[in-house]
């Protein structure tokens, strides 16, 4: 049996619909039936099965890119690029996944804010130390 349009198989001469997957460089958007080109700022590893009913989570944030929970497949450049947002990471499909997008407790658009009790120098968040910062009132 042939794969549907836009799908492929992992191995040459494979047969059977259950072996059809989105190829590298593509992913399956929610509610879609055809694999689509990977969004800008993402690396799509491919491999989402054509017969799967689960959300395709093969689109990964590329180094230097982050996204927000409301728009997990819309990439934004991190402040400090890949010095701040390094390596492939899962986009935040849910709010609780956002802590894995920005490293070291950073938060906000572009992962530009350092956590409380730290200050930024270049791309690094440095510890303020005890008694060296104002508390929120």
C-alpha atoms as a PDB file:
ATOM      1  CA  UNK A   1       0.000   0.000   0.000  1.00  0.00           C
ATOM      2  CA  UNK A   2       1.368   3.428  -0.943  1.00  0.00           C
ATOM      3  CA  UNK A   3       1.856   6.257   1.523  1.00  0.00           C
ATOM      4  CA  UNK A   4      -0.510   9.256   1.309  1.00  0.00           C
ATOM      5  CA  UNK A   5       0.810  12.405  -0.397  1.00  0.00           C
ATOM      6  CA  UNK A   6       3.536  14.217   1.614  1.00  0.00           C
ATOM      7  CA  UNK A   7       4.433  11.067   3.619  1.00  0.00           C
ATOM      8  CA  UNK A   8       7.383   8.755   3.155  1.00  0.00           C
ATOM      9  CA  UNK A   9       8.830   5.656   4.793  1.00  0.00           C
ATOM     10  CA  UNK A  10      11.936   5.412   6.928  1.00  0.00           C
ATOM     11  CA  UNK A  11      13.372   2.555   4.865  1.00  0.00           C
ATOM     12  CA  UNK A  12      13.517   1.939   1.130  1.00  0.00           C
ATOM     13  CA  UNK A  13      11.041  -0.628  -0.212  1.00  0.00           C
ATOM     14  CA  UNK A  14       8.913  -0.478   2.964  1.00  0.00           C
ATOM     15  CA  UNK A  15       5.280  -1.276   2.391  1.00  0.00           C
ATOM     16  CA  UNK A  16       2.251  -0.709   4.551  1.00  0.00           C
ATOM     17  CA  UNK A  17       0.398   2.374   5.663  1.00  0.00           C
ATOM     18  CA  UNK A  18       1.569   1.832   9.247  1.00  0.00           C
ATOM     19  CA  UNK A  19       5.168   2.558   8.098  1.00  0.00           C
ATOM     20  CA  UNK A  20       4.351   5.941   6.526  1.00  0.00           C
ATOM     21  CA  UNK A  21       5.796   8.944   8.392  1.00  0.00           C
ATOM     22  CA  UNK A  22       6.347  12.659   7.858  1.00  0.00           C
ATOM     23  CA  UNK A  23       9.831  12.998   6.334  1.00  0.00           C
ATOM     24  CA  UNK A  24      12.694  14.967   7.893  1.00  0.00           C
ATOM     25  CA  UNK A  25      12.096  18.723   7.517  1.00  0.00           C
ATOM     26  CA  UNK A  26       8.315  18.398   7.913  1.00  0.00           C
ATOM     27  CA  UNK A  27       5.718  17.958  10.662  1.00  0.00           C
ATOM     28  CA  UNK A  28       1.972  17.356  10.864  1.00  0.00           C
ATOM     29  CA  UNK A  29       0.060  20.450  12.083  1.00  0.00           C
ATOM     30  CA  UNK A  30      -2.831  19.792  14.488  1.00  0.00           C
ATOM     31  CA  UNK A  31      -5.958  18.852  12.533  1.00  0.00           C
ATOM     32  CA  UNK A  32      -4.109  18.478   9.225  1.00  0.00           C
ATOM     33  CA  UNK A  33      -3.806  15.405   7.023  1.00  0.00           C
ATOM     34  CA  UNK A  34      -0.615  16.278   5.127  1.00  0.00           C
ATOM     35  CA  UNK A  35       2.924  16.895   6.355  1.00  0.00           C
ATOM     36  CA  UNK A  36       3.961  20.551   6.131  1.00  0.00           C
ATOM     37  CA  UNK A  37       7.345  22.271   5.833  1.00  0.00           C
ATOM     38  CA  UNK A  38       8.947  22.950   9.198  1.00  0.00           C
ATOM     39  CA  UNK A  39       8.247  26.465  10.586  1.00  0.00           C
ATOM     40  CA  UNK A  40      11.069  29.057  10.629  1.00  0.00           C
ATOM     41  CA  UNK A  41      13.246  28.702  13.720  1.00  0.00           C
ATOM     42  CA  UNK A  42      12.439  25.007  14.152  1.00  0.00           C
ATOM     43  CA  UNK A  43      14.132  21.746  13.285  1.00  0.00           C
ATOM     44  CA  UNK A  44      11.731  19.013  12.245  1.00  0.00           C
ATOM     45  CA  UNK A  45      13.150  15.571  12.763  1.00  0.00           C
ATOM     46  CA  UNK A  46      10.283  13.865  10.925  1.00  0.00           C
ATOM     47  CA  UNK A  47       8.957  10.470  11.858  1.00  0.00           C
ATOM     48  CA  UNK A  48       5.371  11.295  12.884  1.00  0.00           C
ATOM     49  CA  UNK A  49       3.314   8.247  11.781  1.00  0.00           C
ATOM     50  CA  UNK A  50       0.508   8.800   9.284  1.00  0.00           C
ATOM     51  CA  UNK A  51      -1.828   6.601  11.319  1.00  0.00           C
ATOM     52  CA  UNK A  52      -1.208   8.417  14.634  1.00  0.00           C
ATOM     53  CA  UNK A  53      -4.014  10.398  16.247  1.00  0.00           C
ATOM     54  CA  UNK A  54      -1.637  12.075  18.722  1.00  0.00           C
ATOM     55  CA  UNK A  55      -0.240  15.608  18.310  1.00  0.00           C
ATOM     56  CA  UNK A  56       2.979  15.686  16.305  1.00  0.00           C
ATOM     57  CA  UNK A  57       5.748  16.766  18.682  1.00  0.00           C
ATOM     58  CA  UNK A  58       8.664  16.267  16.293  1.00  0.00           C
ATOM     59  CA  UNK A  59       9.084  20.018  15.573  1.00  0.00           C
ATOM     60  CA  UNK A  60      11.873  21.184  17.913  1.00  0.00           C
ATOM     61  CA  UNK A  61      13.002  24.718  18.752  1.00  0.00           C
ATOM     62  CA  UNK A  62      16.360  25.361  17.092  1.00  0.00           C
ATOM     63  CA  UNK A  63      19.268  26.875  19.007  1.00  0.00           C
ATOM     64  CA  UNK A  64      18.757  30.621  19.502  1.00  0.00           C
ATOM     65  CA  UNK A  65      14.958  30.405  19.214  1.00  0.00           C
ATOM     66  CA  UNK A  66      12.142  30.311  21.785  1.00  0.00           C
ATOM     67  CA  UNK A  67       8.342  30.223  21.641  1.00  0.00           C
ATOM     68  CA  UNK A  68       5.448  30.956  23.962  1.00  0.00           C
ATOM     69  CA  UNK A  69       2.759  28.583  25.289  1.00  0.00           C
ATOM     70  CA  UNK A  70      -0.066  30.276  23.352  1.00  0.00           C
ATOM     71  CA  UNK A  71       1.880  29.951  20.091  1.00  0.00           C
ATOM     72  CA  UNK A  72       4.235  26.985  20.471  1.00  0.00           C
ATOM     73  CA  UNK A  73       5.104  26.837  16.757  1.00  0.00           C
ATOM     74  CA  UNK A  74       5.847  30.571  16.336  1.00  0.00           C
ATOM     75  CA  UNK A  75       9.563  31.093  16.876  1.00  0.00           C
ATOM     76  CA  UNK A  76      11.177  34.209  18.352  1.00  0.00           C
ATOM     77  CA  UNK A  77      14.896  34.973  18.513  1.00  0.00           C
ATOM     78  CA  UNK A  78      16.275  34.682  22.033  1.00  0.00           C
ATOM     79  CA  UNK A  79      18.125  37.689  23.415  1.00  0.00           C
ATOM     80  CA  UNK A  80      21.686  36.456  23.230  1.00  0.00           C
ATOM     81  CA  UNK A  81      20.692  33.923  20.543  1.00  0.00           C
ATOM     82  CA  UNK A  82      22.206  30.465  21.040  1.00  0.00           C
ATOM     83  CA  UNK A  83      24.367  31.654  23.954  1.00  0.00           C
ATOM     84  CA  UNK A  84      21.098  31.831  25.923  1.00  0.00           C
ATOM     85  CA  UNK A  85      18.880  29.306  24.116  1.00  0.00           C
ATOM     86  CA  UNK A  86      21.159  26.477  23.099  1.00  0.00           C
ATOM     87  CA  UNK A  87      20.364  23.107  21.588  1.00  0.00           C
ATOM     88  CA  UNK A  88      17.136  21.568  20.340  1.00  0.00           C
ATOM     89  CA  UNK A  89      14.234  21.897  22.791  1.00  0.00           C
ATOM     90  CA  UNK A  90      10.562  20.933  22.814  1.00  0.00           C
ATOM     91  CA  UNK A  91       8.270  23.950  22.254  1.00  0.00           C
ATOM     92  CA  UNK A  92       5.868  24.732  25.123  1.00  0.00           C
ATOM     93  CA  UNK A  93       2.595  23.078  24.097  1.00  0.00           C
ATOM     94  CA  UNK A  94       1.349  23.703  27.654  1.00  0.00           C
ATOM     95  CA  UNK A  95       2.130  26.401  30.238  1.00  0.00           C
ATOM     96  CA  UNK A  96       4.023  23.952  32.463  1.00  0.00           C
ATOM     97  CA  UNK A  97       6.418  23.154  29.594  1.00  0.00           C
ATOM     98  CA  UNK A  98       7.613  26.775  29.332  1.00  0.00           C
ATOM     99  CA  UNK A  99      10.294  26.350  32.019  1.00  0.00           C
ATOM    100  CA  UNK A 100      12.123  24.013  29.607  1.00  0.00           C
ATOM    101  CA  UNK A 101      12.206  26.647  26.846  1.00  0.00           C
ATOM    102  CA  UNK A 102      14.204  29.360  28.636  1.00  0.00           C
ATOM    103  CA  UNK A 103      17.257  28.073  30.528  1.00  0.00           C
ATOM    104  CA  UNK A 104      18.426  28.876  34.051  1.00  0.00           C
ATOM    105  CA  UNK A 105      15.133  30.326  35.275  1.00  0.00           C
ATOM    106  CA  UNK A 106      15.002  33.013  32.581  1.00  0.00           C
ATOM    107  CA  UNK A 107      11.552  34.097  31.489  1.00  0.00           C
ATOM    108  CA  UNK A 108       9.596  36.485  29.278  1.00  0.00           C
ATOM    109  CA  UNK A 109       9.640  37.085  25.534  1.00  0.00           C
ATOM    110  CA  UNK A 110      13.017  36.228  24.000  1.00  0.00           C
ATOM    111  CA  UNK A 111      14.069  34.681  27.382  1.00  0.00           C
ATOM    112  CA  UNK A 112      15.550  38.100  28.170  1.00  0.00           C
ATOM    113  CA  UNK A 113      14.634  38.377  31.867  1.00  0.00           C
ATOM    114  CA  UNK A 114      16.894  36.939  34.527  1.00  0.00           C
ATOM    115  CA  UNK A 115      15.334  35.316  37.598  1.00  0.00           C
ATOM    116  CA  UNK A 116      14.768  37.340  40.766  1.00  0.00           C
ATOM    117  CA  UNK A 117      17.950  37.747  42.798  1.00  0.00           C
ATOM    118  CA  UNK A 118      20.145  37.967  39.709  1.00  0.00           C
ATOM    119  CA  UNK A 119      21.250  40.659  37.289  1.00  0.00           C
ATOM    120  CA  UNK A 120      22.296  40.483  33.667  1.00  0.00           C
ATOM    121  CA  UNK A 121      25.750  41.202  32.271  1.00  0.00           C
ATOM    122  CA  UNK A 122      25.955  40.447  28.573  1.00  0.00           C
ATOM    123  CA  UNK A 123      24.112  37.168  28.187  1.00  0.00           C
ATOM    124  CA  UNK A 124      24.823  35.879  31.720  1.00  0.00           C
ATOM    125  CA  UNK A 125      22.584  36.121  34.794  1.00  0.00           C
ATOM    126  CA  UNK A 126      24.771  36.753  37.849  1.00  0.00           C
ATOM    127  CA  UNK A 127      23.813  36.196  41.470  1.00  0.00           C
ATOM    128  CA  UNK A 128      23.251  39.436  43.379  1.00  0.00           C
ATOM    129  CA  UNK A 129      24.477  37.913  46.636  1.00  0.00           C
ATOM    130  CA  UNK A 130      22.846  38.632  49.989  1.00  0.00           C
ATOM    131  CA  UNK A 131      21.818  42.211  50.711  1.00  0.00           C
ATOM    132  CA  UNK A 132      22.700  43.532  47.283  1.00  0.00           C
ATOM    133  CA  UNK A 133      19.238  43.944  45.810  1.00  0.00           C
ATOM    134  CA  UNK A 134      15.927  45.581  46.585  1.00  0.00           C
ATOM    135  CA  UNK A 135      12.999  43.348  47.394  1.00  0.00           C
ATOM    136  CA  UNK A 136       9.628  43.898  45.788  1.00  0.00           C
ATOM    137  CA  UNK A 137       7.212  45.864  47.934  1.00  0.00           C
END
